[in-house]
Each structure stands twice: as C-alpha cells, then as structure tokens.
Amino acid sequence: MDLRGRAFPSVYRLRVLLMLFYTMARITAEQEVENLSGLSTNPEKDIFVVRENGTTCLMAEFAAKFIVPYDVWASNYVDLITEQADISLTRGAEVKGHCGHNESELQVFWVDRAYALKMLFVKESRNASKGPEATWRLSKVQFVYDSSEKTHFKDAVSAGKHTANSHHLSALVTPAGKSYECQAQQSISLASSDPQKTVTMILSAVHIQPFDIISDFVFSEEHKCPVDEREQLEETLPLILGLILGLVIVVTLAIYHIHHKMTANQVQIPRDRSQYKHMG
C-alpha cells in the first residue's frame, strides 16, 4: 500500500510536468516570429515569418487594406449617416503565429492593438480521379477593430471594439507543397458584429505558404492565381500573334521569291500564234 501511495503522486507529478513542458514549448514556438517588412521594396507590403524548432514553417507577404463602414450622426443629430474608414496594415506590426501538420495560424496586431487580423489555414486531402490530392487554403479570417480609435474613425456612433468574421471561406486554394502567389487584388467580405455592417478585406501582392516549407526563408514553387495567369496570357498573346504573323510574312515572301526564280528561267511561249514561225 505504501509503495502504491508513493507511486501515484510521482505519476501525477510527471503528468503535470509534461503538460507544463508542452505548454511552454507551444508558447515558445508561437513567439518565434519575425516581421521582415523592412526588406520589402513595396512600402505597402508586409513580410511575416513564423519559425518553430529553428526552421521556417509559415511565410506570408501581402498588402492588406480594410474598408470599414461606420455610423455617425447627421448635422441634425437625429439621422445616422454611414461613413467609411480605410485601414491599411502598417509596418512594424506585432505578429504571432503557430504551425501544425494540418492547421496553421497567423495573427497580426497594429496601432497599439486597436486592430488585429487573424488568418487560419488548413491542409486537407480529397479523393480525385488520379487518387488522393492534398491542398491547403485560407479557411477563416477574423478582423478586430476599435471604432473609438481617432486616426481612422471620426465621431463614430457606438464606438468600441467590433469583430468581423468570414463565413464558409475557401480562399487561396493551393496544391500541398506549393506557395500561393497573386499580384492582383482580391476581396473577402467579413460580417461585422456592428449591426448590418460588412467589412471588406482587400489583399494584393500576395505570396503565402503556411505548410511544407523545405528551405529556410524560401518559398516553394509558386501556384499562380487564375487572375494573374489570365493577365499573363493577355500580355503574351499579342507577342505570340505578332511572331506568327511575322513568320507567315517571311514564308510568303520566301515562296514568292522561289516561284519568281523558277518562272524566270523558263522559256516564255508567245501568246500570239503568228510569232511561232520565228522560234527555232
């Protein structure tokens, strides 16, 4: 009985120590983040890196802006009118994050935490005709904003913290092992806790990879968004058509030149029959 009584507290203490170790390890991993926005030549673009166990597990480059409608009193102080705040993600933001096998998260805070952005990424497999296919996507966006912040909001009614969330989001869908790249603007609608208000998140110059990064601080092969692919095709199509047209002209001139040389060496037969007697 004595031995069992002593063994139980020992096992319990071991479990507690393991839980504490796991918690501390997770906290430490979340703190291994870097804001490298100063390296970007685009002043509107931010660069965030999440590192766990000494290696890069999430990289994100993008420019973000939020269009936030809010109410103010009209001049008669009876009616409400809707204004619009344009809030850009600024450099020097505080960043947190963590990586998992099938789920990764990036959190960004700026202007003394008056604004906070949370992006959740998930990796999943599905059965296709060629077999199982793995992809990752942006599955949730949450934007917290404080309408009492005076830089962007002017005399907002019901000023205070509000939360805007995405619903059933499936964005930036990318094959597993690749990074997502898109220079074009993309809009995501977020439903706000401020009644009947919809916040619009505008992303541009995006390059993100939340899973399967092989080389430290280096994106894997890019998966281009359809808009960029279409724009690239529109840019190269005139060049291709120009080359084809030039080739057709060159071939036509070559055929004409060959034909002209062949016909020049042939004996010209007079069309006037009276001239036949002078031949031979």
Protein backbone atom coordinates (compact mmCIF):
# COMPACT_ATOMS: atom_id res chain seq x y z
CA MET A 1 0.00 0.00 0.00
CA ASP A 2 2.84 2.34 0.87
CA LEU A 3 4.53 1.80 -2.50
CA ARG A 4 1.30 2.42 -4.41
CA GLY A 5 0.67 5.57 -2.40
CA ARG A 6 4.08 6.87 -3.28
CA ALA A 7 3.86 5.83 -6.94
CA PHE A 8 0.60 7.68 -7.60
CA PRO A 9 1.88 11.17 -6.66
CA SER A 10 5.02 10.52 -8.71
CA VAL A 11 2.99 9.65 -11.81
CA TYR A 12 0.72 12.63 -11.23
CA ARG A 13 3.68 15.00 -10.85
CA LEU A 14 5.21 13.60 -14.05
CA ARG A 15 2.00 14.27 -15.97
CA VAL A 16 1.84 17.82 -14.62
CA LEU A 17 5.46 18.43 -15.62
CA LEU A 18 4.81 17.07 -19.11
CA MET A 19 1.77 19.33 -19.51
CA LEU A 20 3.78 22.34 -18.35
CA PHE A 21 6.59 21.43 -20.72
CA TYR A 22 4.15 21.10 -23.63
CA THR A 23 2.53 24.44 -22.79
CA MET A 24 5.87 26.21 -22.50
CA ALA A 25 7.08 24.66 -25.77
CA ARG A 26 3.94 25.84 -27.54
CA ILE A 27 4.27 29.35 -26.14
CA THR A 28 7.92 29.46 -27.15
CA ALA A 29 7.01 28.27 -30.65
CA GLU A 30 4.37 30.97 -31.00
CA GLN A 31 6.93 33.61 -30.06
CA GLU A 32 9.37 32.54 -32.80
CA VAL A 33 8.04 35.08 -35.28
CA GLU A 34 9.68 37.81 -37.31
CA ASN A 35 8.39 40.92 -39.05
CA LEU A 36 10.62 41.42 -42.09
CA SER A 37 8.51 44.13 -43.73
CA GLY A 38 11.53 46.43 -43.84
CA LEU A 39 13.05 44.18 -46.51
CA SER A 40 10.16 44.81 -48.91
CA THR A 41 10.64 47.38 -51.67
CA ASN A 42 6.87 47.91 -51.66
CA PRO A 43 6.04 50.23 -48.72
CA GLU A 44 2.50 48.82 -48.56
CA LYS A 45 3.57 45.17 -48.37
CA ASP A 46 4.35 43.33 -45.14
CA ILE A 47 6.50 40.22 -44.71
CA PHE A 48 5.86 37.85 -41.79
CA VAL A 49 7.73 34.68 -40.88
CA VAL A 50 6.77 32.07 -38.28
CA ARG A 51 9.53 29.72 -37.11
CA GLU A 52 9.26 26.62 -34.99
CA ASN A 53 12.11 24.39 -33.88
CA GLY A 54 14.56 26.73 -35.57
CA THR A 55 13.06 26.39 -39.06
CA THR A 56 10.59 28.41 -41.10
CA CYS A 57 7.11 26.88 -41.10
CA LEU A 58 4.98 29.80 -42.36
CA MET A 59 5.83 32.71 -44.64
CA ALA A 60 3.46 35.46 -45.71
CA GLU A 61 3.96 38.51 -47.90
CA PHE A 62 0.97 40.70 -48.70
CA ALA A 63 -0.54 44.17 -48.64
CA ALA A 64 -3.85 44.38 -46.78
CA LYS A 65 -6.48 47.09 -46.52
CA PHE A 66 -9.84 47.01 -44.75
CA ILE A 67 -12.88 49.03 -45.82
CA VAL A 68 -14.96 49.52 -42.66
CA PRO A 69 -18.37 51.26 -42.75
CA TYR A 70 -19.50 53.01 -39.55
CA ASP A 71 -22.31 55.33 -38.48
CA VAL A 72 -22.05 58.98 -37.46
CA TRP A 73 -24.73 61.49 -36.51
CA ALA A 74 -26.02 63.77 -39.24
CA SER A 75 -25.95 67.52 -38.73
CA ASN A 76 -29.48 67.42 -37.26
CA TYR A 77 -28.34 64.88 -34.63
CA VAL A 78 -31.42 62.81 -35.45
CA ASP A 79 -30.45 60.80 -38.53
CA LEU A 80 -27.50 58.50 -38.97
CA ILE A 81 -25.24 58.56 -42.00
CA THR A 82 -22.66 55.95 -42.96
CA GLU A 83 -19.01 56.88 -43.35
CA GLN A 84 -16.14 54.66 -44.44
CA ALA A 85 -12.77 54.02 -42.81
CA ASP A 86 -9.85 52.80 -44.93
CA ILE A 87 -7.48 50.92 -42.64
CA SER A 88 -4.20 49.64 -44.02
CA LEU A 89 -1.96 47.09 -42.35
CA THR A 90 1.10 49.12 -41.38
CA ARG A 91 4.73 48.20 -41.00
CA GLY A 92 6.10 47.49 -37.56
CA ALA A 93 3.05 45.41 -36.64
CA GLU A 94 3.23 42.88 -33.83
CA VAL A 95 2.96 39.33 -35.10
CA LYS A 96 2.21 35.93 -33.58
CA GLY A 97 1.56 32.53 -35.06
CA HIS A 98 1.89 28.80 -34.85
CA CYS A 99 2.21 25.92 -37.29
CA GLY A 100 0.67 22.48 -37.26
CA HIS A 101 0.55 19.49 -39.55
CA ASN A 102 -2.93 20.34 -40.85
CA GLU A 103 -3.62 23.75 -39.34
CA SER A 104 -1.55 26.96 -39.14
CA GLU A 105 -2.39 30.42 -37.91
CA LEU A 106 -1.06 33.96 -38.35
CA GLN A 107 -2.03 36.85 -36.06
CA VAL A 108 -1.09 40.48 -36.64
CA PHE A 109 -1.71 43.48 -34.35
CA TRP A 110 -1.11 47.18 -35.06
CA VAL A 111 -1.82 50.69 -33.76
CA ASP A 112 -1.50 49.65 -30.09
CA ARG A 113 -3.71 46.61 -30.75
CA ALA A 114 -6.60 48.75 -31.93
CA TYR A 115 -6.60 46.44 -34.95
CA ALA A 116 -5.98 42.70 -35.11
CA LEU A 117 -6.00 40.28 -38.04
CA LYS A 118 -6.18 36.51 -37.65
CA MET A 119 -5.78 34.18 -40.63
CA LEU A 120 -6.36 30.43 -40.27
CA PHE A 121 -5.01 27.99 -42.87
CA VAL A 122 -5.94 24.32 -43.17
CA LYS A 123 -4.50 21.45 -45.20
CA GLU A 124 -6.81 18.68 -46.32
CA SER A 125 -6.94 15.71 -48.67
CA ARG A 126 -9.68 14.69 -51.07
CA ASN A 127 -10.19 11.81 -53.44
CA ALA A 128 -9.77 12.64 -57.12
CA SER A 129 -9.77 10.58 -60.30
CA LYS A 130 -5.96 10.33 -60.13
CA GLY A 131 -6.01 9.38 -56.45
CA PRO A 132 -5.80 11.36 -53.21
CA GLU A 133 -4.93 15.04 -53.66
CA ALA A 134 -3.78 17.34 -50.84
CA THR A 135 -4.42 21.08 -50.89
CA TRP A 136 -4.27 23.95 -48.44
CA ARG A 137 -6.50 27.00 -48.21
CA LEU A 138 -7.35 30.07 -46.18
CA SER A 139 -10.34 28.84 -44.16
CA LYS A 140 -11.04 31.73 -41.79
CA VAL A 141 -10.34 35.44 -41.44
CA GLN A 142 -11.10 37.48 -38.34
CA PHE A 143 -10.60 41.24 -38.12
CA VAL A 144 -10.99 43.07 -34.81
CA TYR A 145 -11.19 46.87 -34.94
CA ASP A 146 -11.76 49.64 -32.43
CA SER A 147 -14.02 52.38 -33.80
CA SER A 148 -13.02 54.66 -30.92
CA GLU A 149 -9.55 54.94 -32.49
CA LYS A 150 -9.41 58.53 -33.77
CA THR A 151 -6.98 58.16 -36.67
CA HIS A 152 -9.44 56.35 -38.93
CA PHE A 153 -12.80 56.87 -37.21
CA LYS A 154 -14.35 60.31 -36.72
CA ASP A 155 -17.07 60.52 -34.04
CA ALA A 156 -18.37 57.00 -34.62
CA VAL A 157 -21.70 56.10 -33.05
CA SER A 158 -21.46 53.04 -30.77
CA ALA A 159 -17.68 53.41 -30.71
CA GLY A 160 -15.76 50.44 -29.34
CA LYS A 161 -14.38 47.03 -30.25
CA HIS A 162 -16.04 45.14 -33.08
CA THR A 163 -15.25 41.79 -34.67
CA ALA A 164 -15.68 40.91 -38.34
CA ASN A 165 -15.57 37.26 -39.41
CA SER A 166 -15.61 35.35 -42.68
CA HIS A 167 -18.25 32.70 -43.31
CA HIS A 168 -17.61 29.37 -45.08
CA LEU A 169 -14.38 30.70 -46.54
CA SER A 170 -12.33 28.74 -49.06
CA ALA A 171 -9.74 31.12 -50.50
CA LEU A 172 -6.18 30.89 -51.85
CA VAL A 173 -6.66 27.18 -52.62
CA THR A 174 -3.23 25.73 -53.46
CA PRO A 175 -1.78 22.25 -54.04
CA ALA A 176 0.13 20.99 -51.00
CA GLY A 177 3.85 21.66 -51.13
CA LYS A 178 3.44 24.85 -53.15
CA SER A 179 3.18 28.53 -52.28
CA TYR A 180 0.31 30.77 -53.39
CA GLU A 181 1.16 33.90 -55.40
CA CYS A 182 -1.19 36.56 -56.69
CA GLN A 183 -0.37 40.16 -57.61
CA ALA A 184 -3.98 41.08 -58.42
CA GLN A 185 -6.35 42.45 -55.80
CA GLN A 186 -8.66 40.01 -54.05
CA SER A 187 -11.61 40.96 -51.87
CA ILE A 188 -13.00 38.98 -48.94
CA SER A 189 -16.25 40.02 -47.24
CA LEU A 190 -16.43 39.88 -43.44
CA ALA A 191 -19.63 40.12 -41.38
CA SER A 192 -19.22 42.62 -38.56
CA SER A 193 -20.62 42.49 -35.04
CA ASP A 194 -21.60 46.12 -35.70
CA PRO A 195 -25.20 45.51 -36.90
CA GLN A 196 -25.77 45.37 -40.66
CA LYS A 197 -22.18 46.25 -41.49
CA THR A 198 -19.93 44.34 -43.87
CA VAL A 199 -16.19 44.85 -43.75
CA THR A 200 -14.22 44.29 -46.96
CA MET A 201 -10.68 42.95 -46.76
CA ILE A 202 -8.57 43.70 -49.85
CA LEU A 203 -5.41 41.66 -50.37
CA SER A 204 -2.80 42.33 -53.06
CA ALA A 205 0.80 41.37 -53.88
CA VAL A 206 0.17 38.09 -52.04
CA HIS A 207 2.76 35.34 -51.58
CA ILE A 208 1.92 32.87 -48.82
CA GLN A 209 2.95 29.39 -47.76
CA PRO A 210 1.68 28.04 -44.41
CA PHE A 211 2.80 24.41 -44.81
CA ASP A 212 5.64 22.23 -46.14
CA ILE A 213 8.39 24.83 -46.46
CA ILE A 214 11.57 22.97 -47.42
CA SER A 215 14.23 25.70 -47.36
CA ASP A 216 14.56 28.30 -44.61
CA PHE A 217 13.12 31.70 -45.64
CA VAL A 218 12.48 30.40 -49.18
CA PHE A 219 9.07 29.86 -50.79
CA SER A 220 8.39 26.63 -52.64
CA GLU A 221 7.23 26.56 -56.27
CA GLU A 222 4.54 29.16 -56.92
CA HIS A 223 0.92 28.37 -57.69
CA LYS A 224 -0.39 31.37 -59.62
CA CYS A 225 -3.91 32.65 -59.08
CA PRO A 226 -6.25 32.48 -62.14
CA VAL A 227 -6.33 36.29 -62.48
CA ASP A 228 -2.54 36.52 -62.76
CA GLU A 229 -2.46 33.63 -65.25
CA ARG A 230 -5.11 35.34 -67.38
CA GLU A 231 -3.26 38.67 -67.27
CA GLN A 232 -0.01 36.93 -68.17
CA LEU A 233 -1.75 35.28 -71.13
CA GLU A 234 -3.19 38.64 -72.22
CA GLU A 235 0.31 40.11 -72.10
CA THR A 236 1.98 37.31 -74.06
CA LEU A 237 -0.81 36.65 -76.58
CA PRO A 238 -0.10 39.78 -78.71
CA LEU A 239 3.59 38.81 -78.79
CA ILE A 240 2.75 35.26 -79.91
CA LEU A 241 0.35 36.53 -82.58
CA GLY A 242 2.99 39.01 -83.75
CA LEU A 243 5.57 36.25 -84.08
CA ILE A 244 3.12 34.05 -86.01
CA LEU A 245 2.24 36.93 -88.34
CA GLY A 246 5.91 37.69 -88.92
CA LEU A 247 6.58 34.02 -89.69
CA VAL A 248 3.70 33.92 -92.17
CA ILE A 249 5.06 37.03 -93.94
CA VAL A 250 8.58 35.57 -94.14
CA VAL A 251 7.28 32.24 -95.51
CA THR A 252 5.08 34.05 -98.05
CA LEU A 253 8.00 36.19 -99.28
CA ALA A 254 10.24 33.12 -99.50
CA ILE A 255 7.65 31.22 -101.56
CA TYR A 256 7.18 34.24 -103.84
CA HIS A 257 10.96 34.60 -104.32
CA ILE A 258 11.38 30.89 -105.18
CA HIS A 259 8.41 30.98 -107.53
CA HIS A 260 9.77 34.11 -109.24
CA LYS A 261 13.18 32.49 -109.82
CA MET A 262 11.65 29.33 -111.23
CA THR A 263 9.39 31.17 -113.67
CA ALA A 264 12.23 33.49 -114.79
CA ASN A 265 14.33 30.53 -116.00
CA GLN A 266 11.52 29.04 -118.12
CA VAL A 267 11.20 29.76 -121.88
CA GLN A 268 8.43 32.25 -122.45
CA ILE A 269 5.95 30.88 -125.03
CA PRO A 270 4.40 33.67 -127.11
CA ARG A 271 0.70 34.01 -126.85
CA ASP A 272 0.46 35.31 -130.45
CA ARG A 273 0.48 32.26 -132.77
CA SER A 274 1.98 34.36 -135.62
CA GLN A 275 5.22 34.56 -133.71
CA TYR A 276 5.71 30.75 -133.67
CA LYS A 277 7.48 30.85 -137.13
CA HIS A 278 10.29 32.96 -135.66
CA MET A 279 11.03 30.33 -132.99
CA GLY A 280 13.58 27.59 -133.59
